[in-house]
C-alpha atoms as a PDB file:
ATOM      1  CA  MET A   1       0.000   0.000   0.000  1.00  0.00           C
ATOM      2  CA  LYS A   2       1.319   3.386  -0.895  1.00  0.00           C
ATOM      3  CA  GLY A   3      -0.202   6.733  -0.196  1.00  0.00           C
ATOM      4  CA  SER A   4      -1.784   8.868   2.483  1.00  0.00           C
ATOM      5  CA  PHE A   5      -4.506   7.246   4.522  1.00  0.00           C
ATOM      6  CA  ARG A   6      -5.972  10.637   5.389  1.00  0.00           C
ATOM      7  CA  ARG A   7      -8.637  10.717   2.692  1.00  0.00           C
ATOM      8  CA  ARG A   8     -10.940  13.715   2.679  1.00  0.00           C
ATOM      9  CA  SER A   9     -12.942  12.653  -0.349  1.00  0.00           C
ATOM     10  CA  THR A  10     -16.669  12.072  -0.245  1.00  0.00           C
ATOM     11  CA  VAL A  11     -18.101   9.489  -2.574  1.00  0.00           C
ATOM     12  CA  ALA A  12     -21.496   8.459  -3.864  1.00  0.00           C
ATOM     13  CA  ILE A  13     -22.579   5.271  -5.534  1.00  0.00           C
ATOM     14  CA  SER A  14     -25.621   4.064  -7.431  1.00  0.00           C
ATOM     15  CA  LEU A  15     -26.361   0.496  -8.353  1.00  0.00           C
ATOM     16  CA  MET A  16     -24.678   0.953 -11.730  1.00  0.00           C
ATOM     17  CA  THR A  17     -21.861   3.488 -11.296  1.00  0.00           C
ATOM     18  CA  ALA A  18     -19.266   4.609  -8.777  1.00  0.00           C
ATOM     19  CA  ALA A  19     -17.962   8.162  -8.397  1.00  0.00           C
ATOM     20  CA  LEU A  20     -14.473   8.630  -7.001  1.00  0.00           C
ATOM     21  CA  PRO A  21     -12.841  11.930  -5.947  1.00  0.00           C
ATOM     22  CA  SER A  22     -11.835  14.370  -8.643  1.00  0.00           C
ATOM     23  CA  THR A  23      -8.446  14.445 -10.336  1.00  0.00           C
ATOM     24  CA  GLU A  24      -7.676  17.711  -8.568  1.00  0.00           C
ATOM     25  CA  ALA A  25      -8.325  16.162  -5.170  1.00  0.00           C
ATOM     26  CA  HIS A  26      -6.018  13.272  -5.945  1.00  0.00           C
ATOM     27  CA  ALA A  27      -3.257  15.542  -7.211  1.00  0.00           C
ATOM     28  CA  ALA A  28      -3.287  17.526  -3.986  1.00  0.00           C
ATOM     29  CA  GLU A  29      -2.870  14.472  -1.768  1.00  0.00           C
ATOM     30  CA  PRO A  30       0.583  13.578  -0.444  1.00  0.00           C
ATOM     31  CA  ARG A  31       1.712  10.132  -1.459  1.00  0.00           C
ATOM     32  CA  ARG A  32       4.117   7.957   0.413  1.00  0.00           C
ATOM     33  CA  PRO A  33       5.345   4.533  -0.710  1.00  0.00           C
ATOM     34  CA  VAL A  34       3.948   2.044   1.768  1.00  0.00           C
ATOM     35  CA  SER A  35       4.442  -1.606   0.919  1.00  0.00           C
ATOM     36  CA  THR A  36       1.699  -4.173   1.165  1.00  0.00           C
ATOM     37  CA  TYR A  37       1.049  -7.790   0.327  1.00  0.00           C
ATOM     38  CA  SER A  38      -2.359  -9.321   0.712  1.00  0.00           C
ATOM     39  CA  ILE A  39      -4.703 -12.138  -0.217  1.00  0.00           C
ATOM     40  CA  VAL A  40      -8.450 -12.184  -0.811  1.00  0.00           C
ATOM     41  CA  ALA A  41     -10.174 -15.554  -0.948  1.00  0.00           C
ATOM     42  CA  ARG A  42     -13.382 -17.551  -0.658  1.00  0.00           C
ATOM     43  CA  ASP A  43     -13.559 -20.991   0.909  1.00  0.00           C
ATOM     44  CA  PRO A  44     -15.301 -23.243  -1.665  1.00  0.00           C
ATOM     45  CA  GLU A  45     -16.600 -25.547   1.073  1.00  0.00           C
ATOM     46  CA  THR A  46     -18.061 -23.074   3.566  1.00  0.00           C
ATOM     47  CA  GLY A  47     -18.482 -19.961   1.416  1.00  0.00           C
ATOM     48  CA  ALA A  48     -16.536 -17.867   3.955  1.00  0.00           C
ATOM     49  CA  MET A  49     -14.675 -14.915   2.426  1.00  0.00           C
ATOM     50  CA  GLY A  50     -11.779 -12.896   3.726  1.00  0.00           C
ATOM     51  CA  VAL A  51      -8.728 -10.702   3.432  1.00  0.00           C
ATOM     52  CA  ALA A  52      -5.325 -10.982   5.074  1.00  0.00           C
ATOM     53  CA  VAL A  53      -2.590  -8.371   4.750  1.00  0.00           C
ATOM     54  CA  GLN A  54       0.808  -7.300   6.030  1.00  0.00           C
ATOM     55  CA  SER A  55       2.451  -3.932   5.463  1.00  0.00           C
ATOM     56  CA  HIS A  56       5.297  -1.691   6.499  1.00  0.00           C
ATOM     57  CA  TRP A  57       2.711   0.854   7.594  1.00  0.00           C
ATOM     58  CA  PHE A  58       0.806   1.550  10.776  1.00  0.00           C
ATOM     59  CA  SER A  59      -2.674  -0.008  11.132  1.00  0.00           C
ATOM     60  CA  VAL A  60      -2.855  -1.516   7.663  1.00  0.00           C
ATOM     61  CA  GLY A  61      -6.046  -3.407   8.478  1.00  0.00           C
ATOM     62  CA  SER A  62      -8.037  -0.209   8.905  1.00  0.00           C
ATOM     63  CA  VAL A  63      -7.373   0.680   5.272  1.00  0.00           C
ATOM     64  CA  VAL A  64      -6.776  -2.370   3.084  1.00  0.00           C
ATOM     65  CA  SER A  65      -9.241  -4.983   4.406  1.00  0.00           C
ATOM     66  CA  TRP A  66     -12.938  -4.908   3.524  1.00  0.00           C
ATOM     67  CA  ALA A  67     -15.443  -7.760   3.668  1.00  0.00           C
ATOM     68  CA  GLU A  68     -19.148  -8.298   4.278  1.00  0.00           C
ATOM     69  CA  ALA A  69     -21.034 -11.513   4.963  1.00  0.00           C
ATOM     70  CA  GLY A  70     -22.868 -12.797   1.909  1.00  0.00           C
ATOM     71  CA  VAL A  71     -21.344 -10.091  -0.285  1.00  0.00           C
ATOM     72  CA  GLY A  72     -17.586 -10.413  -0.856  1.00  0.00           C
ATOM     73  CA  ALA A  73     -14.163  -9.108   0.077  1.00  0.00           C
ATOM     74  CA  VAL A  74     -11.888  -6.341  -1.215  1.00  0.00           C
ATOM     75  CA  ALA A  75      -8.228  -5.459  -0.686  1.00  0.00           C
ATOM     76  CA  THR A  76      -7.292  -1.919  -1.726  1.00  0.00           C
ATOM     77  CA  GLN A  77      -3.611  -0.968  -1.641  1.00  0.00           C
ATOM     78  CA  SER A  78      -0.649   0.656  -3.446  1.00  0.00           C
ATOM     79  CA  PHE A  79      -1.376   4.419  -3.566  1.00  0.00           C
ATOM     80  CA  THR A  80      -4.470   3.522  -1.624  1.00  0.00           C
ATOM     81  CA  GLU A  81      -7.915   4.733  -2.565  1.00  0.00           C
ATOM     82  CA  ILE A  82      -9.800   3.702   0.552  1.00  0.00           C
ATOM     83  CA  SER A  83     -13.200   4.191  -1.060  1.00  0.00           C
ATOM     84  CA  TYR A  84     -12.534   1.158  -3.262  1.00  0.00           C
ATOM     85  CA  GLY A  85     -13.392  -0.921  -0.185  1.00  0.00           C
ATOM     86  CA  PRO A  86     -16.921   0.297   0.652  1.00  0.00           C
ATOM     87  CA  LEU A  87     -17.774   1.110  -2.967  1.00  0.00           C
ATOM     88  CA  GLY A  88     -16.573  -2.290  -4.130  1.00  0.00           C
ATOM     89  CA  LEU A  89     -18.775  -4.003  -1.549  1.00  0.00           C
ATOM     90  CA  GLU A  90     -21.720  -1.826  -2.556  1.00  0.00           C
ATOM     91  CA  LEU A  91     -21.337  -2.894  -6.176  1.00  0.00           C
ATOM     92  CA  LEU A  92     -21.114  -6.548  -5.163  1.00  0.00           C
ATOM     93  CA  ARG A  93     -24.159  -6.133  -2.943  1.00  0.00           C
ATOM     94  CA  ALA A  94     -26.013  -4.747  -5.968  1.00  0.00           C
ATOM     95  CA  GLY A  95     -25.302  -7.961  -7.875  1.00  0.00           C
ATOM     96  CA  LYS A  96     -22.157  -7.078  -9.791  1.00  0.00           C
ATOM     97  CA  THR A  97     -19.504  -9.737 -10.308  1.00  0.00           C
ATOM     98  CA  ALA A  98     -15.979  -9.211  -9.028  1.00  0.00           C
ATOM     99  CA  THR A  99     -14.832  -8.223 -12.511  1.00  0.00           C
ATOM    100  CA  GLU A 100     -17.748  -5.838 -13.054  1.00  0.00           C
ATOM    101  CA  ALA A 101     -17.191  -4.170  -9.693  1.00  0.00           C
ATOM    102  CA  LEU A 102     -13.466  -3.720 -10.260  1.00  0.00           C
ATOM    103  CA  THR A 103     -14.031  -2.413 -13.789  1.00  0.00           C
ATOM    104  CA  ALA A 104     -16.465   0.207 -12.488  1.00  0.00           C
ATOM    105  CA  LEU A 105     -14.061   1.321  -9.757  1.00  0.00           C
ATOM    106  CA  LEU A 106     -11.138   1.687 -12.153  1.00  0.00           C
ATOM    107  CA  ALA A 107     -13.241   3.457 -14.791  1.00  0.00           C
ATOM    108  CA  ALA A 108     -14.260   6.132 -12.279  1.00  0.00           C
ATOM    109  CA  ASP A 109     -10.712   6.614 -10.957  1.00  0.00           C
ATOM    110  CA  PRO A 110      -8.585   9.364 -12.549  1.00  0.00           C
ATOM    111  CA  THR A 111      -5.361   7.573 -11.567  1.00  0.00           C
ATOM    112  CA  PRO A 112      -5.907   3.801 -11.806  1.00  0.00           C
ATOM    113  CA  GLU A 113      -2.284   3.316 -12.818  1.00  0.00           C
ATOM    114  CA  VAL A 114      -1.156   3.742  -9.187  1.00  0.00           C
ATOM    115  CA  ARG A 115      -3.752   1.435  -7.640  1.00  0.00           C
ATOM    116  CA  GLN A 116      -3.543  -2.182  -6.644  1.00  0.00           C
ATOM    117  CA  VAL A 117      -6.815  -3.870  -5.755  1.00  0.00           C
ATOM    118  CA  ALA A 118      -8.350  -7.335  -5.617  1.00  0.00           C
ATOM    119  CA  VAL A 119     -11.971  -8.450  -5.281  1.00  0.00           C
ATOM    120  CA  VAL A 120     -13.675 -11.774  -4.569  1.00  0.00           C
ATOM    121  CA  ASP A 121     -17.451 -12.087  -4.790  1.00  0.00           C
ATOM    122  CA  ARG A 122     -19.859 -14.437  -3.026  1.00  0.00           C
ATOM    123  CA  GLN A 123     -19.630 -16.960  -5.846  1.00  0.00           C
ATOM    124  CA  GLY A 124     -15.845 -17.099  -5.648  1.00  0.00           C
ATOM    125  CA  ARG A 125     -15.135 -15.109  -8.789  1.00  0.00           C
ATOM    126  CA  VAL A 126     -11.983 -13.011  -8.453  1.00  0.00           C
ATOM    127  CA  ALA A 127     -10.571  -9.953 -10.180  1.00  0.00           C
ATOM    128  CA  ALA A 128      -7.387  -7.979  -9.575  1.00  0.00           C
ATOM    129  CA  HIS A 129      -5.549  -4.945 -10.892  1.00  0.00           C
ATOM    130  CA  THR A 130      -1.942  -3.842 -10.490  1.00  0.00           C
ATOM    131  CA  GLY A 131      -1.361  -0.434 -12.046  1.00  0.00           C
ATOM    132  CA  GLU A 132       1.734   0.078 -14.163  1.00  0.00           C
ATOM    133  CA  ARG A 133       2.989   2.782 -11.800  1.00  0.00           C
ATOM    134  CA  CYS A 134       2.875   0.635  -8.659  1.00  0.00           C
ATOM    135  CA  ILE A 135       6.384   0.507  -7.203  1.00  0.00           C
ATOM    136  CA  ALA A 136       8.327  -2.614  -8.103  1.00  0.00           C
ATOM    137  CA  GLU A 137       8.422  -5.353  -7.315  1.00  0.00           C
ATOM    138  CA  ALA A 138       4.658  -5.459  -7.809  1.00  0.00           C
ATOM    139  CA  GLY A 139       2.197  -7.927  -9.235  1.00  0.00           C
ATOM    140  CA  ASP A 140      -0.719 -10.256  -8.648  1.00  0.00           C
ATOM    141  CA  ARG A 141      -1.780 -13.827  -9.296  1.00  0.00           C
ATOM    142  CA  GLN A 142      -5.162 -15.525  -9.271  1.00  0.00           C
ATOM    143  CA  GLY A 143      -6.184 -19.099  -8.562  1.00  0.00           C
ATOM    144  CA  ARG A 144      -9.322 -20.956  -7.627  1.00  0.00           C
ATOM    145  CA  GLN A 145     -11.413 -18.435  -5.693  1.00  0.00           C
ATOM    146  CA  TYR A 146      -8.430 -16.383  -4.496  1.00  0.00           C
ATOM    147  CA  SER A 147      -6.056 -13.617  -5.532  1.00  0.00           C
ATOM    148  CA  VAL A 148      -2.683 -12.618  -4.109  1.00  0.00           C
ATOM    149  CA  GLN A 149      -1.136  -9.196  -4.753  1.00  0.00           C
ATOM    150  CA  ALA A 150       1.902  -7.271  -3.586  1.00  0.00           C
ATOM    151  CA  ASN A 151       3.900  -4.113  -4.182  1.00  0.00           C
ATOM    152  CA  ILE A 152       7.337  -2.819  -3.116  1.00  0.00           C
ATOM    153  CA  MET A 153       8.415  -6.357  -2.423  1.00  0.00           C
ATOM    154  CA  GLU A 154      11.996  -7.453  -1.991  1.00  0.00           C
ATOM    155  CA  LYS A 155      11.625  -9.681  -5.057  1.00  0.00           C
ATOM    156  CA  SER A 156       9.052 -10.729  -7.608  1.00  0.00           C
ATOM    157  CA  THR A 157       8.659 -14.217  -6.160  1.00  0.00           C
ATOM    158  CA  VAL A 158       6.740 -13.050  -3.083  1.00  0.00           C
ATOM    159  CA  TRP A 159       3.198 -13.275  -4.455  1.00  0.00           C
ATOM    160  CA  PRO A 160       3.812 -16.554  -6.347  1.00  0.00           C
ATOM    161  CA  ALA A 161       5.086 -18.009  -3.052  1.00  0.00           C
ATOM    162  CA  MET A 162       1.898 -16.835  -1.344  1.00  0.00           C
ATOM    163  CA  ALA A 163      -0.212 -18.478  -4.044  1.00  0.00           C
ATOM    164  CA  ALA A 164       1.671 -21.769  -3.793  1.00  0.00           C
ATOM    165  CA  ALA A 165       1.368 -21.791  -0.004  1.00  0.00           C
ATOM    166  CA  TYR A 166      -2.339 -21.056  -0.094  1.00  0.00           C
ATOM    167  CA  GLU A 167      -3.030 -23.768  -2.656  1.00  0.00           C
ATOM    168  CA  SER A 168      -1.075 -26.403  -0.726  1.00  0.00           C
ATOM    169  CA  SER A 169      -2.459 -25.476   2.709  1.00  0.00           C
ATOM    170  CA  SER A 170      -5.271 -27.141   4.641  1.00  0.00           C
ATOM    171  CA  GLY A 171      -7.612 -26.142   7.429  1.00  0.00           C
ATOM    172  CA  ASP A 172     -10.223 -23.410   7.532  1.00  0.00           C
ATOM    173  CA  LEU A 173      -9.987 -20.151   5.607  1.00  0.00           C
ATOM    174  CA  VAL A 174      -8.415 -18.304   8.544  1.00  0.00           C
ATOM    175  CA  GLU A 175      -5.557 -20.794   8.686  1.00  0.00           C
ATOM    176  CA  ARG A 176      -4.987 -20.771   4.930  1.00  0.00           C
ATOM    177  CA  LEU A 177      -4.869 -16.966   4.803  1.00  0.00           C
ATOM    178  CA  LEU A 178      -2.309 -16.946   7.605  1.00  0.00           C
ATOM    179  CA  VAL A 179      -0.189 -19.518   5.793  1.00  0.00           C
ATOM    180  CA  ALA A 180      -0.181 -17.292   2.706  1.00  0.00           C
ATOM    181  CA  LEU A 181       1.015 -14.279   4.724  1.00  0.00           C
ATOM    182  CA  GLU A 182       3.747 -16.342   6.353  1.00  0.00           C
ATOM    183  CA  ALA A 183       4.917 -17.562   2.962  1.00  0.00           C
ATOM    184  CA  GLY A 184       5.084 -14.005   1.647  1.00  0.00           C
ATOM    185  CA  GLN A 185       7.295 -12.935   4.530  1.00  0.00           C
ATOM    186  CA  ALA A 186       9.471 -16.040   4.273  1.00  0.00           C
ATOM    187  CA  GLU A 187      10.076 -15.189   0.609  1.00  0.00           C
ATOM    188  CA  GLY A 188      11.343 -11.724   1.517  1.00  0.00           C
ATOM    189  CA  GLY A 189       8.192  -9.672   1.935  1.00  0.00           C
ATOM    190  CA  ASP A 190       8.408  -5.899   1.994  1.00  0.00           C
ATOM    191  CA  ILE A 191      11.783  -4.551   0.971  1.00  0.00           C
ATOM    192  CA  ARG A 192      11.706  -2.224   3.986  1.00  0.00           C
ATOM    193  CA  GLY A 193      10.533  -4.559   6.714  1.00  0.00           C
ATOM    194  CA  MET A 194       7.385  -5.197   8.735  1.00  0.00           C
ATOM    195  CA  GLN A 195       5.013  -3.193  10.893  1.00  0.00           C
ATOM    196  CA  SER A 196       1.355  -4.228  10.872  1.00  0.00           C
ATOM    197  CA  ALA A 197      -0.934  -7.045   9.768  1.00  0.00           C
ATOM    198  CA  ALA A 198      -4.620  -7.938   9.780  1.00  0.00           C
ATOM    199  CA  ILE A 199      -7.081 -10.689   8.979  1.00  0.00           C
ATOM    200  CA  LEU A 200     -10.809 -10.326   8.322  1.00  0.00           C
ATOM    201  CA  VAL A 201     -13.092 -13.292   7.521  1.00  0.00           C
ATOM    202  CA  VAL A 202     -16.879 -13.238   7.152  1.00  0.00           C
ATOM    203  CA  PRO A 203     -19.527 -15.931   6.549  1.00  0.00           C
ATOM    204  CA  GLY A 204     -20.661 -16.766   3.049  1.00  0.00           C
ATOM    205  CA  VAL A 205     -24.300 -16.158   3.957  1.00  0.00           C
ATOM    206  CA  SER A 206     -25.650 -13.198   5.887  1.00  0.00           C
ATOM    207  CA  GLN A 207     -28.255 -13.584   8.609  1.00  0.00           C
ATOM    208  CA  GLY A 208     -29.299  -9.966   8.185  1.00  0.00           C
ATOM    209  CA  ALA A 209     -26.941  -8.446  10.728  1.00  0.00           C
ATOM    210  CA  PRO A 210     -23.690  -7.827   8.787  1.00  0.00           C
ATOM    211  CA  TRP A 211     -22.283  -5.585  11.542  1.00  0.00           C
ATOM    212  CA  GLY A 212     -21.933  -8.632  13.774  1.00  0.00           C
ATOM    213  CA  GLU A 213     -21.209 -11.315  11.192  1.00  0.00           C
ATOM    214  CA  ARG A 214     -17.462 -11.707  11.384  1.00  0.00           C
ATOM    215  CA  ILE A 215     -15.758 -15.029  11.870  1.00  0.00           C
ATOM    216  CA  VAL A 216     -12.525 -13.276  12.746  1.00  0.00           C
ATOM    217  CA  ASP A 217     -11.472  -9.619  12.707  1.00  0.00           C
ATOM    218  CA  LEU A 218      -8.004  -9.131  14.158  1.00  0.00           C
ATOM    219  CA  ARG A 219      -5.353  -6.447  13.703  1.00  0.00           C
ATOM    220  CA  VAL A 220      -1.761  -6.026  14.750  1.00  0.00           C
ATOM    221  CA  GLU A 221      -1.279  -2.277  14.489  1.00  0.00           C
ATOM    222  CA  ASP A 222       2.447  -1.917  15.238  1.00  0.00           C
ATOM    223  CA  HIS A 223       4.788  -4.821  15.942  1.00  0.00           C
ATOM    224  CA  PRO A 224       8.290  -5.960  14.924  1.00  0.00           C
ATOM    225  CA  GLN A 225       6.879  -9.368  13.883  1.00  0.00           C
ATOM    226  CA  PRO A 226       3.272  -8.627  12.890  1.00  0.00           C
ATOM    227  CA  VAL A 227       2.415 -11.896  11.145  1.00  0.00           C
ATOM    228  CA  GLN A 228       3.843 -13.919  14.005  1.00  0.00           C
ATOM    229  CA  GLU A 229       1.793 -11.848  16.440  1.00  0.00           C
ATOM    230  CA  LEU A 230      -1.278 -12.216  14.239  1.00  0.00           C
ATOM    231  CA  ARG A 231      -0.963 -15.999  14.401  1.00  0.00           C
ATOM    232  CA  ARG A 232      -0.755 -15.794  18.200  1.00  0.00           C
ATOM    233  CA  LEU A 233      -3.895 -13.683  18.312  1.00  0.00           C
ATOM    234  CA  VAL A 234      -5.722 -16.116  16.061  1.00  0.00           C
ATOM    235  CA  GLY A 235      -4.889 -18.839  18.589  1.00  0.00           C
ATOM    236  CA  VAL A 236      -6.307 -16.696  21.395  1.00  0.00           C
ATOM    237  CA  HIS A 237      -9.370 -15.991  19.274  1.00  0.00           C
ATOM    238  CA  ARG A 238      -9.962 -19.708  18.740  1.00  0.00           C
ATOM    239  CA  ALA A 239      -9.713 -20.301  22.498  1.00  0.00           C
ATOM    240  CA  TYR A 240     -12.349 -17.685  23.196  1.00  0.00           C
ATOM    241  CA  GLN A 241     -14.568 -19.145  20.493  1.00  0.00           C
ATOM    242  CA  HIS A 242     -14.559 -22.337  22.551  1.00  0.00           C
ATOM    243  CA  MET A 243     -15.328 -20.300  25.667  1.00  0.00           C
ATOM    244  CA  ASN A 244     -18.295 -18.673  23.944  1.00  0.00           C
ATOM    245  CA  ARG A 245     -19.578 -22.026  22.739  1.00  0.00           C
ATOM    246  CA  GLY A 246     -19.176 -23.307  26.294  1.00  0.00           C
ATOM    247  CA  ASP A 247     -21.382 -20.481  27.535  1.00  0.00           C
ATOM    248  CA  GLU A 248     -23.952 -21.375  24.888  1.00  0.00           C
ATOM    249  CA  ARG A 249     -23.912 -25.020  25.998  1.00  0.00           C
ATOM    250  CA  LEU A 250     -24.477 -23.938  29.599  1.00  0.00           C
ATOM    251  CA  ALA A 251     -27.439 -21.823  28.533  1.00  0.00           C
ATOM    252  CA  GLU A 252     -28.822 -24.961  26.889  1.00  0.00           C
ATOM    253  CA  GLU A 253     -28.166 -26.883  30.143  1.00  0.00           C
ATOM    254  CA  ASP A 254     -25.637 -29.063  28.337  1.00  0.00           C
ATOM    255  CA  VAL A 255     -23.053 -29.073  31.118  1.00  0.00           C
ATOM    256  CA  GLU A 256     -20.910 -31.842  29.677  1.00  0.00           C
ATOM    257  CA  GLY A 257     -20.795 -30.062  26.331  1.00  0.00           C
ATOM    258  CA  ALA A 258     -19.819 -26.835  28.082  1.00  0.00           C
ATOM    259  CA  LEU A 259     -17.003 -28.575  29.936  1.00  0.00           C
ATOM    260  CA  GLU A 260     -15.670 -29.989  26.681  1.00  0.00           C
ATOM    261  CA  GLU A 261     -15.597 -26.515  25.151  1.00  0.00           C
ATOM    262  CA  TYR A 262     -13.918 -24.961  28.204  1.00  0.00           C
ATOM    263  CA  ALA A 263     -11.320 -27.737  28.245  1.00  0.00           C
ATOM    264  CA  ALA A 264     -10.564 -27.085  24.575  1.00  0.00           C
ATOM    265  CA  ALA A 265     -10.161 -23.380  25.342  1.00  0.00           C
ATOM    266  CA  ALA A 266      -7.802 -24.104  28.226  1.00  0.00           C
ATOM    267  CA  GLU A 267      -5.697 -26.361  26.019  1.00  0.00           C
ATOM    268  CA  LEU A 268      -5.372 -23.669  23.366  1.00  0.00           C
ATOM    269  CA  TYR A 269      -4.638 -20.853  25.814  1.00  0.00           C
ATOM    270  CA  PRO A 270      -3.311 -22.361  29.053  1.00  0.00           C
ATOM    271  CA  GLN A 271      -1.479 -19.202  30.099  1.00  0.00           C
ATOM    272  CA  GLN A 272      -4.751 -17.273  30.410  1.00  0.00           C
ATOM    273  CA  VAL A 273      -5.955 -17.594  34.002  1.00  0.00           C
ATOM    274  CA  GLU A 274      -9.554 -16.670  33.263  1.00  0.00           C
ATOM    275  CA  VAL A 275     -10.054 -19.517  30.802  1.00  0.00           C
ATOM    276  CA  ARG A 276      -9.053 -22.042  33.442  1.00  0.00           C
ATOM    277  CA  TYR A 277     -11.032 -20.267  36.144  1.00  0.00           C
ATOM    278  CA  TRP A 278     -14.393 -20.516  34.377  1.00  0.00           C
ATOM    279  CA  GLN A 279     -13.631 -24.101  33.468  1.00  0.00           C
ATOM    280  CA  ALA A 280     -13.308 -24.822  37.217  1.00  0.00           C
ATOM    281  CA  VAL A 281     -16.489 -22.884  38.059  1.00  0.00           C
ATOM    282  CA  THR A 282     -18.438 -24.945  35.528  1.00  0.00           C
ATOM    283  CA  MET A 283     -17.037 -28.148  36.977  1.00  0.00           C
ATOM    284  CA  VAL A 284     -18.397 -27.156  40.393  1.00  0.00           C
ATOM    285  CA  THR A 285     -21.857 -26.485  38.994  1.00  0.00           C
ATOM    286  CA  ALA A 286     -21.680 -29.915  37.350  1.00  0.00           C
ATOM    287  CA  GLY A 287     -20.951 -31.569  40.696  1.00  0.00           C
ATOM    288  CA  ARG A 288     -17.299 -32.224  39.918  1.00  0.00           C
ATOM    289  CA  LEU A 289     -15.751 -30.321  42.802  1.00  0.00           C
ATOM    290  CA  GLU A 290     -12.753 -32.617  43.285  1.00  0.00           C
ATOM    291  CA  GLU A 291     -11.680 -32.091  39.664  1.00  0.00           C
ATOM    292  CA  ALA A 292     -12.171 -28.355  40.003  1.00  0.00           C
ATOM    293  CA  LEU A 293     -10.165 -27.794  43.180  1.00  0.00           C
ATOM    294  CA  PRO A 294      -6.673 -28.313  41.639  1.00  0.00           C
ATOM    295  CA  ILE A 295      -7.564 -25.825  38.906  1.00  0.00           C
ATOM    296  CA  PHE A 296      -8.767 -23.279  41.460  1.00  0.00           C
ATOM    297  CA  ALA A 297      -5.512 -23.826  43.356  1.00  0.00           C
ATOM    298  CA  GLU A 298      -3.453 -23.041  40.245  1.00  0.00           C
ATOM    299  CA  VAL A 299      -5.506 -19.946  39.474  1.00  0.00           C
ATOM    300  CA  PHE A 300      -5.374 -18.592  43.040  1.00  0.00           C
ATOM    301  CA  ALA A 301      -1.611 -19.207  43.189  1.00  0.00           C
ATOM    302  CA  GLU A 302      -1.111 -17.083  40.093  1.00  0.00           C
ATOM    303  CA  GLU A 303      -3.519 -14.247  40.942  1.00  0.00           C
ATOM    304  CA  GLU A 304      -4.998 -13.850  44.409  1.00  0.00           C
ATOM    305  CA  ARG A 305      -7.763 -11.554  43.184  1.00  0.00           C
ATOM    306  CA  TRP A 306      -9.684 -14.564  41.832  1.00  0.00           C
ATOM    307  CA  ARG A 307     -10.475 -15.606  45.405  1.00  0.00           C
ATOM    308  CA  GLU A 308     -12.353 -12.366  45.936  1.00  0.00           C
ATOM    309  CA  LEU A 309     -14.249 -12.819  42.675  1.00  0.00           C
ATOM    310  CA  THR A 310     -15.209 -16.324  43.777  1.00  0.00           C
ATOM    311  CA  ARG A 311     -16.777 -14.941  46.959  1.00  0.00           C
ATOM    312  CA  ARG A 312     -19.098 -12.855  44.791  1.00  0.00           C
ATOM    313  CA  LEU A 313     -20.335 -15.608  42.472  1.00  0.00           C
ATOM    314  CA  PRO A 314     -23.041 -17.224  44.655  1.00  0.00           C
ATOM    315  CA  ALA A 315     -24.982 -13.957  44.806  1.00  0.00           C
ATOM    316  CA  SER A 316     -25.078 -13.921  41.017  1.00  0.00           C
ATOM    317  CA  GLY A 317     -26.109 -17.554  40.745  1.00  0.00           C
ATOM    318  CA  LEU A 318     -22.837 -18.649  39.166  1.00  0.00           C
ATOM    319  CA  LEU A 319     -21.946 -20.889  42.124  1.00  0.00           C
ATOM    320  CA  PRO A 320     -24.292 -22.711  44.519  1.00  0.00           C
ATOM    321  CA  ASP A 321     -25.205 -20.689  47.612  1.00  0.00           C
ATOM    322  CA  ASP A 322     -23.442 -23.162  49.890  1.00  0.00           C
ATOM    323  CA  GLU A 323     -21.094 -21.754  52.543  1.00  0.00           C
ATOM    324  CA  ASP A 324     -19.258 -25.049  53.110  1.00  0.00           C
ATOM    325  CA  LEU A 325     -18.696 -25.439  49.376  1.00  0.00           C
ATOM    326  CA  LEU A 326     -17.391 -21.905  49.097  1.00  0.00           C
ATOM    327  CA  VAL A 327     -14.982 -22.457  52.004  1.00  0.00           C
ATOM    328  CA  ARG A 328     -13.555 -25.540  50.317  1.00  0.00           C
ATOM    329  CA  ILE A 329     -13.043 -23.677  47.034  1.00  0.00           C
ATOM    330  CA  LEU A 330     -11.408 -20.677  48.691  1.00  0.00           C
ATOM    331  CA  ALA A 331      -9.113 -22.956  50.639  1.00  0.00           C
ATOM    332  CA  ALA A 332      -7.739 -24.467  47.448  1.00  0.00           C
ATOM    333  CA  GLY A 333      -4.042 -23.775  47.207  1.00  0.00           C
ATOM    334  CA  SER A 334      -3.859 -22.216  50.661  1.00  0.00           C
ATOM    335  CA  ARG A 335      -0.813 -22.995  52.776  1.00  0.00           C
END
């Protein structure tokens, strides 16, 4: 991605055309070369769609990554025109294909030669553009329901390496997008280094609430190893997904199912005290006090404040209102 992120332009869109800022507005904007490599893709099995990106620029995810459940995904970079993101999604929402949406965006842009953009629609059709004035090494490659693109790379093999890694990877879409980013960095990545990264994945079908329909939406705004940190955060995210499913199982009075989910969360994120704590609380409510006590002991040994929280749970109905039971829990780990 290259260019100022401080866009002042206002844009309007109809179902058939897109209007981008005037040539004069573009000419007045400062432009800075900011490198980016990204991937947009759709999972053929689940229909999920997403974008993953790394850049030597602060908070790249707030600019490059755009996706909406049941609509599609867009990556807008090089001398970035941010409006390509929302306008591209609006065109896809109106029924345009990826190619039709991208063609409309470029046709309305006075300087398409400095843009790099990729689009995937809800049917998995992809389209990409790398303008001839994007800073080398720059290019893109498309495969089955995905596109990789990059600019200001150390060498021209970065985006082919991303494509090869994506095609040979397994797992869900989140994992495959991460693998592509890691391959891009391993091949050399940005000629100037690393700073931020992001991943955004949405469902293939909307339930009518697109503002809350995100499978994953994570950003590393400023970090010496952003992709490595992004992978760590994805692991944390997966742990909390298990925690949330555990809460849902409890609401359904499926205690055993909840315990399975909490155990999976604790395995993924053992260093997080809270994950283990709520696992132990659920065990108590399931009548498995003896299994819970060693976990409480570990938690209390690490952070004493969890004892005080435990004292408050019976009043909220999260532990039985049983003084003897509470005494036994609070005594766990005591010397």
